[in-house]
């Protein structure tokens, strides 16, 4: 019989643990509201928020979707390498990390429309 693949987190370096943790947090954060649209009136002084936007559907949603996909791919790649079953595509995790960091920098720019953060 073949031996079952082992899954030991102790084999990960500190950088890999930080990379997986940050990617999981980024993926969770991408579903939280990043922008909201509010309308205010002068009399009576009232502010009403009409809706919210996340990374998946806000301004520049294409970049948000790519960021989420890169983060998910990075998590899958690191976990596959941990279980000693590498992915057939040979993209180093550092390249994926650089890609999703670049996407995050572009998402951190102020919104172009009337949405506020």
PDB file of N, CA and C in Angstrom:
ATOM      1  N   UNK A   1       0.831  -1.182   0.000  1.00  0.00           N
ATOM      2  CA  UNK A   1       0.000   0.000   0.000  1.00  0.00           C
ATOM      3  C   UNK A   1       0.872   1.241   0.000  1.00  0.00           C
ATOM      4  N   UNK A   2       0.330   2.293  -0.568  1.00  0.00           N
ATOM      5  CA  UNK A   2       1.087   3.537  -0.568  1.00  0.00           C
ATOM      6  C   UNK A   2       0.891   4.256   0.763  1.00  0.00           C
ATOM      7  N   UNK A   3       1.879   5.038   1.085  1.00  0.00           N
ATOM      8  CA  UNK A   3       1.849   5.745   2.365  1.00  0.00           C
ATOM      9  C   UNK A   3       1.016   7.023   2.217  1.00  0.00           C
ATOM     10  N   UNK A   4       0.236   7.360   3.241  1.00  0.00           N
ATOM     11  CA  UNK A   4      -0.564   8.580   3.236  1.00  0.00           C
ATOM     12  C   UNK A   4       0.344   9.793   3.318  1.00  0.00           C
ATOM     13  N   UNK A   5       0.002  10.855   2.586  1.00  0.00           N
ATOM     14  CA  UNK A   5       0.811  12.065   2.710  1.00  0.00           C
ATOM     15  C   UNK A   5       0.624  12.702   4.083  1.00  0.00           C
ATOM     16  N   UNK A   6       1.710  13.165   4.635  1.00  0.00           N
ATOM     17  CA  UNK A   6       1.632  13.793   5.955  1.00  0.00           C
ATOM     18  C   UNK A   6       1.378  15.293   5.794  1.00  0.00           C
ATOM     19  N   UNK A   7       0.838  15.879   6.832  1.00  0.00           N
ATOM     20  CA  UNK A   7       0.482  17.296   6.802  1.00  0.00           C
ATOM     21  C   UNK A   7       0.975  17.906   8.103  1.00  0.00           C
ATOM     22  N   UNK A   8       2.246  18.287   8.147  1.00  0.00           N
ATOM     23  CA  UNK A   8       2.828  18.845   9.363  1.00  0.00           C
ATOM     24  C   UNK A   8       3.142  20.315   9.213  1.00  0.00           C
ATOM     25  N   UNK A   9       2.502  21.125  10.016  1.00  0.00           N
ATOM     26  CA  UNK A   9       2.713  22.570   9.946  1.00  0.00           C
ATOM     27  C   UNK A   9       4.098  22.948  10.453  1.00  0.00           C
ATOM     28  N   UNK A  10       4.705  22.075  11.242  1.00  0.00           N
ATOM     29  CA  UNK A  10       6.031  22.384  11.787  1.00  0.00           C
ATOM     30  C   UNK A  10       7.090  22.424  10.690  1.00  0.00           C
ATOM     31  N   UNK A  11       6.804  21.840   9.538  1.00  0.00           N
ATOM     32  CA  UNK A  11       7.768  21.869   8.437  1.00  0.00           C
ATOM     33  C   UNK A  11       7.781  23.207   7.712  1.00  0.00           C
ATOM     34  N   UNK A  12       6.804  24.059   7.970  1.00  0.00           N
ATOM     35  CA  UNK A  12       6.754  25.367   7.316  1.00  0.00           C
ATOM     36  C   UNK A  12       7.744  26.331   7.956  1.00  0.00           C
ATOM     37  N   UNK A  13       8.328  27.166   7.128  1.00  0.00           N
ATOM     38  CA  UNK A  13       9.177  28.223   7.664  1.00  0.00           C
ATOM     39  C   UNK A  13       8.290  29.326   8.236  1.00  0.00           C
ATOM     40  N   UNK A  14       8.895  30.228   8.981  1.00  0.00           N
ATOM     41  CA  UNK A  14       8.131  31.343   9.557  1.00  0.00           C
ATOM     42  C   UNK A  14       7.536  32.215   8.454  1.00  0.00           C
ATOM     43  N   UNK A  15       8.276  32.406   7.370  1.00  0.00           N
ATOM     44  CA  UNK A  15       7.775  33.214   6.254  1.00  0.00           C
ATOM     45  C   UNK A  15       6.551  32.571   5.613  1.00  0.00           C
ATOM     46  N   UNK A  16       6.569  31.243   5.461  1.00  0.00           N
ATOM     47  CA  UNK A  16       5.418  30.554   4.872  1.00  0.00           C
ATOM     48  C   UNK A  16       4.199  30.642   5.781  1.00  0.00           C
ATOM     49  N   UNK A  17       4.404  30.545   7.089  1.00  0.00           N
ATOM     50  CA  UNK A  17       3.283  30.665   8.025  1.00  0.00           C
ATOM     51  C   UNK A  17       2.664  32.062   7.957  1.00  0.00           C
ATOM     52  N   UNK A  18       3.513  33.079   7.882  1.00  0.00           N
ATOM     53  CA  UNK A  18       3.027  34.452   7.782  1.00  0.00           C
ATOM     54  C   UNK A  18       2.295  34.655   6.460  1.00  0.00           C
ATOM     55  N   UNK A  19       2.838  34.086   5.384  1.00  0.00           N
ATOM     56  CA  UNK A  19       2.236  34.223   4.065  1.00  0.00           C
ATOM     57  C   UNK A  19       0.857  33.566   4.006  1.00  0.00           C
ATOM     58  N   UNK A  20       0.728  32.378   4.573  1.00  0.00           N
ATOM     59  CA  UNK A  20      -0.571  31.698   4.585  1.00  0.00           C
ATOM     60  C   UNK A  20      -1.566  32.463   5.469  1.00  0.00           C
ATOM     61  N   UNK A  21      -1.123  32.893   6.645  1.00  0.00           N
ATOM     62  CA  UNK A  21      -2.004  33.635   7.537  1.00  0.00           C
ATOM     63  C   UNK A  21      -2.481  34.950   6.943  1.00  0.00           C
ATOM     64  N   UNK A  22      -1.557  35.687   6.315  1.00  0.00           N
ATOM     65  CA  UNK A  22      -1.928  36.963   5.702  1.00  0.00           C
ATOM     66  C   UNK A  22      -2.856  36.746   4.515  1.00  0.00           C
ATOM     67  N   UNK A  23      -2.646  35.693   3.755  1.00  0.00           N
ATOM     68  CA  UNK A  23      -3.514  35.408   2.612  1.00  0.00           C
ATOM     69  C   UNK A  23      -4.917  35.033   3.061  1.00  0.00           C
ATOM     70  N   UNK A  24      -5.020  34.260   4.138  1.00  0.00           N
ATOM     71  CA  UNK A  24      -6.336  33.899   4.668  1.00  0.00           C
ATOM     72  C   UNK A  24      -7.058  35.151   5.175  1.00  0.00           C
ATOM     73  N   UNK A  25      -6.335  36.015   5.882  1.00  0.00           N
ATOM     74  CA  UNK A  25      -6.951  37.256   6.377  1.00  0.00           C
ATOM     75  C   UNK A  25      -7.378  38.165   5.233  1.00  0.00           C
ATOM     76  N   UNK A  26      -6.548  38.259   4.180  1.00  0.00           N
ATOM     77  CA  UNK A  26      -6.907  39.085   3.026  1.00  0.00           C
ATOM     78  C   UNK A  26      -8.140  38.533   2.332  1.00  0.00           C
ATOM     79  N   UNK A  27      -8.219  37.219   2.201  1.00  0.00           N
ATOM     80  CA  UNK A  27      -9.378  36.610   1.556  1.00  0.00           C
ATOM     81  C   UNK A  27     -10.649  36.859   2.368  1.00  0.00           C
ATOM     82  N   UNK A  28     -10.558  36.755   3.681  1.00  0.00           N
ATOM     83  CA  UNK A  28     -11.721  37.050   4.536  1.00  0.00           C
ATOM     84  C   UNK A  28     -12.085  38.532   4.436  1.00  0.00           C
ATOM     85  N   UNK A  29     -11.077  39.401   4.465  1.00  0.00           N
ATOM     86  CA  UNK A  29     -11.320  40.836   4.419  1.00  0.00           C
ATOM     87  C   UNK A  29     -11.907  41.280   3.086  1.00  0.00           C
ATOM     88  N   UNK A  30     -11.637  40.541   2.027  1.00  0.00           N
ATOM     89  CA  UNK A  30     -12.156  40.938   0.721  1.00  0.00           C
ATOM     90  C   UNK A  30     -13.679  40.841   0.652  1.00  0.00           C
ATOM     91  N   UNK A  31     -14.300  40.071   1.533  1.00  0.00           N
ATOM     92  CA  UNK A  31     -15.759  39.961   1.552  1.00  0.00           C
ATOM     93  C   UNK A  31     -16.412  40.997   2.462  1.00  0.00           C
ATOM     94  N   UNK A  32     -15.651  41.683   3.296  1.00  0.00           N
ATOM     95  CA  UNK A  32     -16.194  42.720   4.182  1.00  0.00           C
ATOM     96  C   UNK A  32     -16.387  44.012   3.396  1.00  0.00           C
ATOM     97  N   UNK A  33     -17.277  44.906   3.845  1.00  0.00           N
ATOM     98  CA  UNK A  33     -17.489  46.156   3.114  1.00  0.00           C
ATOM     99  C   UNK A  33     -16.270  47.074   3.172  1.00  0.00           C
ATOM    100  N   UNK A  34     -15.810  47.492   2.012  1.00  0.00           N
ATOM    101  CA  UNK A  34     -14.667  48.395   1.913  1.00  0.00           C
ATOM    102  C   UNK A  34     -15.111  49.823   1.638  1.00  0.00           C
ATOM    103  N   UNK A  35     -16.241  49.983   0.981  1.00  0.00           N
ATOM    104  CA  UNK A  35     -16.742  51.301   0.622  1.00  0.00           C
ATOM    105  C   UNK A  35     -18.226  51.345   0.953  1.00  0.00           C
ATOM    106  N   UNK A  36     -18.733  52.549   1.185  1.00  0.00           N
ATOM    107  CA  UNK A  36     -20.168  52.704   1.355  1.00  0.00           C
ATOM    108  C   UNK A  36     -20.589  54.019   0.713  1.00  0.00           C
ATOM    109  N   UNK A  37     -21.798  54.035   0.224  1.00  0.00           N
ATOM    110  CA  UNK A  37     -22.337  55.219  -0.427  1.00  0.00           C
ATOM    111  C   UNK A  37     -23.319  55.879   0.532  1.00  0.00           C
ATOM    112  N   UNK A  38     -23.021  57.109   0.904  1.00  0.00           N
ATOM    113  CA  UNK A  38     -23.862  57.835   1.841  1.00  0.00           C
ATOM    114  C   UNK A  38     -24.361  59.127   1.196  1.00  0.00           C
ATOM    115  N   UNK A  39     -25.583  59.486   1.532  1.00  0.00           N
ATOM    116  CA  UNK A  39     -26.200  60.723   1.059  1.00  0.00           C
ATOM    117  C   UNK A  39     -26.573  61.528   2.291  1.00  0.00           C
ATOM    118  N   UNK A  40     -26.209  62.826   2.291  1.00  0.00           N
ATOM    119  CA  UNK A  40     -26.549  63.664   3.437  1.00  0.00           C
ATOM    120  C   UNK A  40     -27.392  64.844   2.974  1.00  0.00           C
ATOM    121  N   UNK A  41     -28.231  65.316   3.874  1.00  0.00           N
ATOM    122  CA  UNK A  41     -29.069  66.474   3.579  1.00  0.00           C
ATOM    123  C   UNK A  41     -28.748  67.581   4.589  1.00  0.00           C
ATOM    124  N   UNK A  42     -29.012  68.823   4.157  1.00  0.00           N
ATOM    125  CA  UNK A  42     -28.691  69.963   5.007  1.00  0.00           C
ATOM    126  C   UNK A  42     -29.755  70.185   6.082  1.00  0.00           C
ATOM    127  N   UNK A  43     -31.035  70.113   5.682  1.00  0.00           N
ATOM    128  CA  UNK A  43     -32.073  70.300   6.697  1.00  0.00           C
ATOM    129  C   UNK A  43     -33.132  69.223   6.543  1.00  0.00           C
ATOM    130  N   UNK A  44     -33.425  68.461   7.503  1.00  0.00           N
ATOM    131  CA  UNK A  44     -32.685  68.335   8.760  1.00  0.00           C
ATOM    132  C   UNK A  44     -31.357  67.616   8.510  1.00  0.00           C
ATOM    133  N   UNK A  45     -30.359  67.864   9.349  1.00  0.00           N
ATOM    134  CA  UNK A  45     -29.061  67.211   9.132  1.00  0.00           C
ATOM    135  C   UNK A  45     -29.195  65.694   9.297  1.00  0.00           C
ATOM    136  N   UNK A  46     -29.102  65.020   8.174  1.00  0.00           N
ATOM    137  CA  UNK A  46     -29.333  63.582   8.166  1.00  0.00           C
ATOM    138  C   UNK A  46     -28.400  62.930   7.154  1.00  0.00           C
ATOM    139  N   UNK A  47     -27.806  61.842   7.524  1.00  0.00           N
ATOM    140  CA  UNK A  47     -26.954  61.077   6.614  1.00  0.00           C
ATOM    141  C   UNK A  47     -27.511  59.665   6.520  1.00  0.00           C
ATOM    142  N   UNK A  48     -27.754  59.221   5.300  1.00  0.00           N
ATOM    143  CA  UNK A  48     -28.284  57.884   5.052  1.00  0.00           C
ATOM    144  C   UNK A  48     -27.297  57.131   4.168  1.00  0.00           C
ATOM    145  N   UNK A  49     -26.891  55.959   4.621  1.00  0.00           N
ATOM    146  CA  UNK A  49     -25.992  55.132   3.817  1.00  0.00           C
ATOM    147  C   UNK A  49     -26.835  54.159   3.007  1.00  0.00           C
ATOM    148  N   UNK A  50     -26.642  54.174   1.695  1.00  0.00           N
ATOM    149  CA  UNK A  50     -27.497  53.413   0.789  1.00  0.00           C
ATOM    150  C   UNK A  50     -26.990  51.999   0.531  1.00  0.00           C
ATOM    151  N   UNK A  51     -25.712  51.807   0.523  1.00  0.00           N
ATOM    152  CA  UNK A  51     -25.206  50.482   0.215  1.00  0.00           C
ATOM    153  C   UNK A  51     -23.712  50.396   0.478  1.00  0.00           C
ATOM    154  N   UNK A  52     -23.198  49.184   0.444  1.00  0.00           N
ATOM    155  CA  UNK A  52     -21.781  48.963   0.662  1.00  0.00           C
ATOM    156  C   UNK A  52     -21.206  48.188  -0.518  1.00  0.00           C
ATOM    157  N   UNK A  53     -19.897  48.258  -0.648  1.00  0.00           N
ATOM    158  CA  UNK A  53     -19.177  47.543  -1.697  1.00  0.00           C
ATOM    159  C   UNK A  53     -17.995  46.818  -1.073  1.00  0.00           C
ATOM    160  N   UNK A  54     -17.728  45.640  -1.576  1.00  0.00           N
ATOM    161  CA  UNK A  54     -16.559  44.885  -1.129  1.00  0.00           C
ATOM    162  C   UNK A  54     -15.535  44.855  -2.256  1.00  0.00           C
ATOM    163  N   UNK A  55     -14.461  44.121  -2.059  1.00  0.00           N
ATOM    164  CA  UNK A  55     -13.439  44.015  -3.104  1.00  0.00           C
ATOM    165  C   UNK A  55     -13.976  43.300  -4.333  1.00  0.00           C
ATOM    166  N   UNK A  56     -15.015  42.503  -4.159  1.00  0.00           N
ATOM    167  CA  UNK A  56     -15.546  41.707  -5.260  1.00  0.00           C
ATOM    168  C   UNK A  56     -16.502  42.500  -6.146  1.00  0.00           C
ATOM    169  N   UNK A  57     -17.092  43.588  -5.638  1.00  0.00           N
ATOM    170  CA  UNK A  57     -18.071  44.308  -6.445  1.00  0.00           C
ATOM    171  C   UNK A  57     -17.964  45.821  -6.337  1.00  0.00           C
ATOM    172  N   UNK A  58     -16.910  46.358  -5.781  1.00  0.00           N
ATOM    173  CA  UNK A  58     -16.769  47.800  -5.640  1.00  0.00           C
ATOM    174  C   UNK A  58     -16.130  48.432  -6.860  1.00  0.00           C
ATOM    175  N   UNK A  59     -15.639  49.660  -6.691  1.00  0.00           N
ATOM    176  CA  UNK A  59     -14.906  50.312  -7.766  1.00  0.00           C
ATOM    177  C   UNK A  59     -13.644  49.497  -8.048  1.00  0.00           C
ATOM    178  N   UNK A  60     -13.406  49.221  -9.281  1.00  0.00           N
ATOM    179  CA  UNK A  60     -12.244  48.413  -9.637  1.00  0.00           C
ATOM    180  C   UNK A  60     -12.410  46.967  -9.227  1.00  0.00           C
ATOM    181  N   UNK A  61     -13.613  46.435  -9.396  1.00  0.00           N
ATOM    182  CA  UNK A  61     -13.893  45.071  -8.954  1.00  0.00           C
ATOM    183  C   UNK A  61     -13.032  44.052  -9.671  1.00  0.00           C
ATOM    184  N   UNK A  62     -12.577  44.367 -10.889  1.00  0.00           N
ATOM    185  CA  UNK A  62     -11.715  43.438 -11.610  1.00  0.00           C
ATOM    186  C   UNK A  62     -10.430  43.199 -10.829  1.00  0.00           C
ATOM    187  N   UNK A  63      -9.850  44.274 -10.292  1.00  0.00           N
ATOM    188  CA  UNK A  63      -8.634  44.128  -9.483  1.00  0.00           C
ATOM    189  C   UNK A  63      -8.929  43.390  -8.183  1.00  0.00           C
ATOM    190  N   UNK A  64     -10.102  43.618  -7.602  1.00  0.00           N
ATOM    191  CA  UNK A  64     -10.480  42.914  -6.376  1.00  0.00           C
ATOM    192  C   UNK A  64     -10.670  41.429  -6.597  1.00  0.00           C
ATOM    193  N   UNK A  65     -11.271  41.069  -7.724  1.00  0.00           N
ATOM    194  CA  UNK A  65     -11.452  39.655  -8.052  1.00  0.00           C
ATOM    195  C   UNK A  65     -10.097  38.993  -8.287  1.00  0.00           C
ATOM    196  N   UNK A  66      -9.221  39.677  -9.025  1.00  0.00           N
ATOM    197  CA  UNK A  66      -7.879  39.117  -9.239  1.00  0.00           C
ATOM    198  C   UNK A  66      -7.133  38.955  -7.920  1.00  0.00           C
ATOM    199  N   UNK A  67      -7.252  39.945  -7.036  1.00  0.00           N
ATOM    200  CA  UNK A  67      -6.589  39.856  -5.740  1.00  0.00           C
ATOM    201  C   UNK A  67      -7.106  38.653  -4.954  1.00  0.00           C
ATOM    202  N   UNK A  68      -8.424  38.460  -4.939  1.00  0.00           N
ATOM    203  CA  UNK A  68      -8.994  37.319  -4.234  1.00  0.00           C
ATOM    204  C   UNK A  68      -8.565  35.994  -4.830  1.00  0.00           C
ATOM    205  N   UNK A  69      -8.520  35.918  -6.157  1.00  0.00           N
ATOM    206  CA  UNK A  69      -8.085  34.682  -6.807  1.00  0.00           C
ATOM    207  C   UNK A  69      -6.610  34.404  -6.552  1.00  0.00           C
ATOM    208  N   UNK A  70      -5.769  35.456  -6.595  1.00  0.00           N
ATOM    209  CA  UNK A  70      -4.345  35.266  -6.285  1.00  0.00           C
ATOM    210  C   UNK A  70      -4.154  34.794  -4.850  1.00  0.00           C
ATOM    211  N   UNK A  71      -4.913  35.374  -3.920  1.00  0.00           N
ATOM    212  CA  UNK A  71      -4.791  34.961  -2.520  1.00  0.00           C
ATOM    213  C   UNK A  71      -5.220  33.508  -2.345  1.00  0.00           C
ATOM    214  N   UNK A  72      -6.325  33.117  -2.989  1.00  0.00           N
ATOM    215  CA  UNK A  72      -6.782  31.728  -2.899  1.00  0.00           C
ATOM    216  C   UNK A  72      -5.773  30.780  -3.532  1.00  0.00           C
ATOM    217  N   UNK A  73      -5.225  31.164  -4.673  1.00  0.00           N
ATOM    218  CA  UNK A  73      -4.230  30.326  -5.339  1.00  0.00           C
ATOM    219  C   UNK A  73      -2.965  30.198  -4.499  1.00  0.00           C
ATOM    220  N   UNK A  74      -2.592  31.272  -3.831  1.00  0.00           N
ATOM    221  CA  UNK A  74      -1.418  31.221  -2.962  1.00  0.00           C
ATOM    222  C   UNK A  74      -1.645  30.286  -1.783  1.00  0.00           C
ATOM    223  N   UNK A  75      -2.826  30.341  -1.179  1.00  0.00           N
ATOM    224  CA  UNK A  75      -3.151  29.433  -0.071  1.00  0.00           C
ATOM    225  C   UNK A  75      -3.132  27.988  -0.550  1.00  0.00           C
ATOM    226  N   UNK A  76      -3.755  27.726  -1.691  1.00  0.00           N
ATOM    227  CA  UNK A  76      -3.801  26.362  -2.229  1.00  0.00           C
ATOM    228  C   UNK A  76      -2.401  25.865  -2.556  1.00  0.00           C
ATOM    229  N   UNK A  77      -1.580  26.726  -3.144  1.00  0.00           N
ATOM    230  CA  UNK A  77      -0.217  26.327  -3.489  1.00  0.00           C
ATOM    231  C   UNK A  77       0.631  26.007  -2.281  1.00  0.00           C
ATOM    232  N   UNK A  78       0.515  26.829  -1.243  1.00  0.00           N
ATOM    233  CA  UNK A  78       1.292  26.574  -0.025  1.00  0.00           C
ATOM    234  C   UNK A  78       0.827  25.296   0.672  1.00  0.00           C
ATOM    235  N   UNK A  79      -0.485  25.085   0.733  1.00  0.00           N
ATOM    236  CA  UNK A  79      -0.993  23.868   1.371  1.00  0.00           C
ATOM    237  C   UNK A  79      -0.650  22.624   0.556  1.00  0.00           C
ATOM    238  N   UNK A  80      -0.637  22.749  -0.771  1.00  0.00           N
ATOM    239  CA  UNK A  80      -0.244  21.614  -1.615  1.00  0.00           C
ATOM    240  C   UNK A  80       1.233  21.290  -1.421  1.00  0.00           C
ATOM    241  N   UNK A  81       2.060  22.311  -1.310  1.00  0.00           N
ATOM    242  CA  UNK A  81       3.485  22.074  -1.071  1.00  0.00           C
ATOM    243  C   UNK A  81       3.711  21.476   0.313  1.00  0.00           C
ATOM    244  N   UNK A  82       2.892  21.871   1.268  1.00  0.00           N
ATOM    245  CA  UNK A  82       3.005  21.332   2.623  1.00  0.00           C
ATOM    246  C   UNK A  82       2.650  19.854   2.663  1.00  0.00           C
ATOM    247  N   UNK A  83       1.659  19.454   1.873  1.00  0.00           N
ATOM    248  CA  UNK A  83       1.259  18.051   1.869  1.00  0.00           C
ATOM    249  C   UNK A  83       2.086  17.218   0.898  1.00  0.00           C
ATOM    250  N   UNK A  84       3.158  17.786   0.392  1.00  0.00           N
ATOM    251  CA  UNK A  84       4.097  17.122  -0.520  1.00  0.00           C
ATOM    252  C   UNK A  84       3.423  16.665  -1.802  1.00  0.00           C
ATOM    253  N   UNK A  85       2.396  17.364  -2.221  1.00  0.00           N
ATOM    254  CA  UNK A  85       1.755  17.131  -3.506  1.00  0.00           C
ATOM    255  C   UNK A  85       1.794  18.452  -4.267  1.00  0.00           C
ATOM    256  N   UNK A  86       2.907  18.741  -4.921  1.00  0.00           N
ATOM    257  CA  UNK A  86       3.026  20.043  -5.588  1.00  0.00           C
ATOM    258  C   UNK A  86       2.038  20.172  -6.748  1.00  0.00           C
ATOM    259  N   UNK A  87       1.673  21.392  -7.016  1.00  0.00           N
ATOM    260  CA  UNK A  87       0.775  21.675  -8.123  1.00  0.00           C
ATOM    261  C   UNK A  87       1.506  21.423  -9.437  1.00  0.00           C
ATOM    262  N   UNK A  88       0.795  21.060 -10.489  1.00  0.00           N
ATOM    263  CA  UNK A  88       1.462  20.815 -11.757  1.00  0.00           C
ATOM    264  C   UNK A  88       2.077  22.084 -12.358  1.00  0.00           C
ATOM    265  N   UNK A  89       1.524  23.231 -12.044  1.00  0.00           N
ATOM    266  CA  UNK A  89       2.078  24.491 -12.523  1.00  0.00           C
ATOM    267  C   UNK A  89       3.214  24.880 -11.598  1.00  0.00           C
ATOM    268  N   UNK A  90       4.347  25.207 -12.151  1.00  0.00           N
ATOM    269  CA  UNK A  90       5.517  25.514 -11.319  1.00  0.00           C
ATOM    270  C   UNK A  90       5.697  27.024 -11.189  1.00  0.00           C
ATOM    271  N   UNK A  91       4.779  27.658 -10.485  1.00  0.00           N
ATOM    272  CA  UNK A  91       4.887  29.081 -10.166  1.00  0.00           C
ATOM    273  C   UNK A  91       5.352  29.175  -8.728  1.00  0.00           C
ATOM    274  N   UNK A  92       6.492  29.826  -8.487  1.00  0.00           N
ATOM    275  CA  UNK A  92       6.950  29.937  -7.102  1.00  0.00           C
ATOM    276  C   UNK A  92       5.994  30.777  -6.262  1.00  0.00           C
ATOM    277  N   UNK A  93       5.811  30.400  -4.985  1.00  0.00           N
ATOM    278  CA  UNK A  93       4.918  31.179  -4.119  1.00  0.00           C
ATOM    279  C   UNK A  93       5.323  32.640  -3.997  1.00  0.00           C
ATOM    280  N   UNK A  94       6.616  32.936  -4.126  1.00  0.00           N
ATOM    281  CA  UNK A  94       7.038  34.333  -4.026  1.00  0.00           C
ATOM    282  C   UNK A  94       6.481  35.167  -5.175  1.00  0.00           C
ATOM    283  N   UNK A  95       6.334  34.570  -6.361  1.00  0.00           N
ATOM    284  CA  UNK A  95       5.752  35.285  -7.492  1.00  0.00           C
ATOM    285  C   UNK A  95       4.274  35.567  -7.240  1.00  0.00           C
ATOM    286  N   UNK A  96       3.566  34.579  -6.693  1.00  0.00           N
ATOM    287  CA  UNK A  96       2.157  34.794  -6.355  1.00  0.00           C
ATOM    288  C   UNK A  96       2.012  35.851  -5.268  1.00  0.00           C
ATOM    289  N   UNK A  97       2.910  35.818  -4.279  1.00  0.00           N
ATOM    290  CA  UNK A  97       2.854  36.804  -3.199  1.00  0.00           C
ATOM    291  C   UNK A  97       3.069  38.208  -3.757  1.00  0.00           C
ATOM    292  N   UNK A  98       4.032  38.357  -4.654  1.00  0.00           N
ATOM    293  CA  UNK A  98       4.275  39.660  -5.272  1.00  0.00           C
ATOM    294  C   UNK A  98       3.084  40.128  -6.089  1.00  0.00           C
ATOM    295  N   UNK A  99       2.425  39.192  -6.773  1.00  0.00           N
ATOM    296  CA  UNK A  99       1.258  39.530  -7.586  1.00  0.00           C
ATOM    297  C   UNK A  99       0.101  40.015  -6.745  1.00  0.00           C
ATOM    298  N   UNK A 100      -0.176  39.325  -5.653  1.00  0.00           N
ATOM    299  CA  UNK A 100      -1.331  39.760  -4.863  1.00  0.00           C
ATOM    300  C   UNK A 100      -1.001  40.983  -4.031  1.00  0.00           C
ATOM    301  N   UNK A 101       0.265  41.218  -3.681  1.00  0.00           N
ATOM    302  CA  UNK A 101       0.628  42.461  -2.988  1.00  0.00           C
ATOM    303  C   UNK A 101       0.464  43.659  -3.923  1.00  0.00           C
ATOM    304  N   UNK A 102       0.826  43.484  -5.196  1.00  0.00           N
ATOM    305  CA  UNK A 102       0.665  44.552  -6.170  1.00  0.00           C
ATOM    306  C   UNK A 102      -0.812  44.883  -6.360  1.00  0.00           C
ATOM    307  N   UNK A 103      -1.658  43.845  -6.409  1.00  0.00           N
ATOM    308  CA  UNK A 103      -3.087  44.072  -6.543  1.00  0.00           C
ATOM    309  C   UNK A 103      -3.642  44.778  -5.305  1.00  0.00           C
ATOM    310  N   UNK A 104      -3.123  44.427  -4.121  1.00  0.00           N
ATOM    311  CA  UNK A 104      -3.587  45.063  -2.897  1.00  0.00           C
ATOM    312  C   UNK A 104      -3.187  46.539  -2.869  1.00  0.00           C
ATOM    313  N   UNK A 105      -2.003  46.863  -3.364  1.00  0.00           N
ATOM    314  CA  UNK A 105      -1.576  48.261  -3.423  1.00  0.00           C
ATOM    315  C   UNK A 105      -2.496  49.065  -4.331  1.00  0.00           C
ATOM    316  N   UNK A 106      -2.914  48.466  -5.441  1.00  0.00           N
ATOM    317  CA  UNK A 106      -3.799  49.175  -6.359  1.00  0.00           C
ATOM    318  C   UNK A 106      -5.181  49.342  -5.748  1.00  0.00           C
ATOM    319  N   UNK A 107      -5.649  48.379  -4.933  1.00  0.00           N
ATOM    320  CA  UNK A 107      -6.961  48.486  -4.296  1.00  0.00           C
ATOM    321  C   UNK A 107      -6.938  49.499  -3.156  1.00  0.00           C
ATOM    322  N   UNK A 108      -5.763  49.769  -2.596  1.00  0.00           N
ATOM    323  CA  UNK A 108      -5.669  50.684  -1.465  1.00  0.00           C
ATOM    324  C   UNK A 108      -5.764  52.146  -1.899  1.00  0.00           C
ATOM    325  N   UNK A 109      -5.749  52.406  -3.204  1.00  0.00           N
ATOM    326  CA  UNK A 109      -5.855  53.777  -3.699  1.00  0.00           C
ATOM    327  C   UNK A 109      -7.252  54.317  -3.390  1.00  0.00           C
ATOM    328  N   UNK A 110      -7.392  55.633  -3.225  1.00  0.00           N
ATOM    329  CA  UNK A 110      -8.709  56.188  -2.914  1.00  0.00           C
ATOM    330  C   UNK A 110      -9.697  55.935  -4.055  1.00  0.00           C
ATOM    331  N   UNK A 111     -10.969  55.759  -3.736  1.00  0.00           N
ATOM    332  CA  UNK A 111     -11.970  55.488  -4.771  1.00  0.00           C
ATOM    333  C   UNK A 111     -12.177  56.678  -5.682  1.00  0.00           C
ATOM    334  N   UNK A 112     -12.560  56.398  -6.924  1.00  0.00           N
ATOM    335  CA  UNK A 112     -12.754  57.456  -7.911  1.00  0.00           C
ATOM    336  C   UNK A 112     -14.162  58.041  -7.860  1.00  0.00           C
ATOM    337  N   UNK A 113     -15.119  57.317  -7.302  1.00  0.00           N
ATOM    338  CA  UNK A 113     -16.501  57.805  -7.309  1.00  0.00           C
ATOM    339  C   UNK A 113     -16.865  58.415  -5.963  1.00  0.00           C
ATOM    340  N   UNK A 114     -18.142  58.548  -5.705  1.00  0.00           N
ATOM    341  CA  UNK A 114     -18.621  59.170  -4.484  1.00  0.00           C
ATOM    342  C   UNK A 114     -18.624  58.258  -3.276  1.00  0.00           C
ATOM    343  N   UNK A 115     -18.086  57.061  -3.393  1.00  0.00           N
ATOM    344  CA  UNK A 115     -18.069  56.143  -2.254  1.00  0.00           C
ATOM    345  C   UNK A 115     -16.996  56.567  -1.272  1.00  0.00           C
ATOM    346  N   UNK A 116     -17.269  56.403   0.011  1.00  0.00           N
ATOM    347  CA  UNK A 116     -16.294  56.741   1.048  1.00  0.00           C
ATOM    348  C   UNK A 116     -15.910  55.468   1.779  1.00  0.00           C
ATOM    349  N   UNK A 117     -14.719  55.457   2.348  1.00  0.00           N
ATOM    350  CA  UNK A 117     -14.217  54.251   3.002  1.00  0.00           C
ATOM    351  C   UNK A 117     -14.563  54.097   4.409  1.00  0.00           C
TER     352      UNK A 117
END
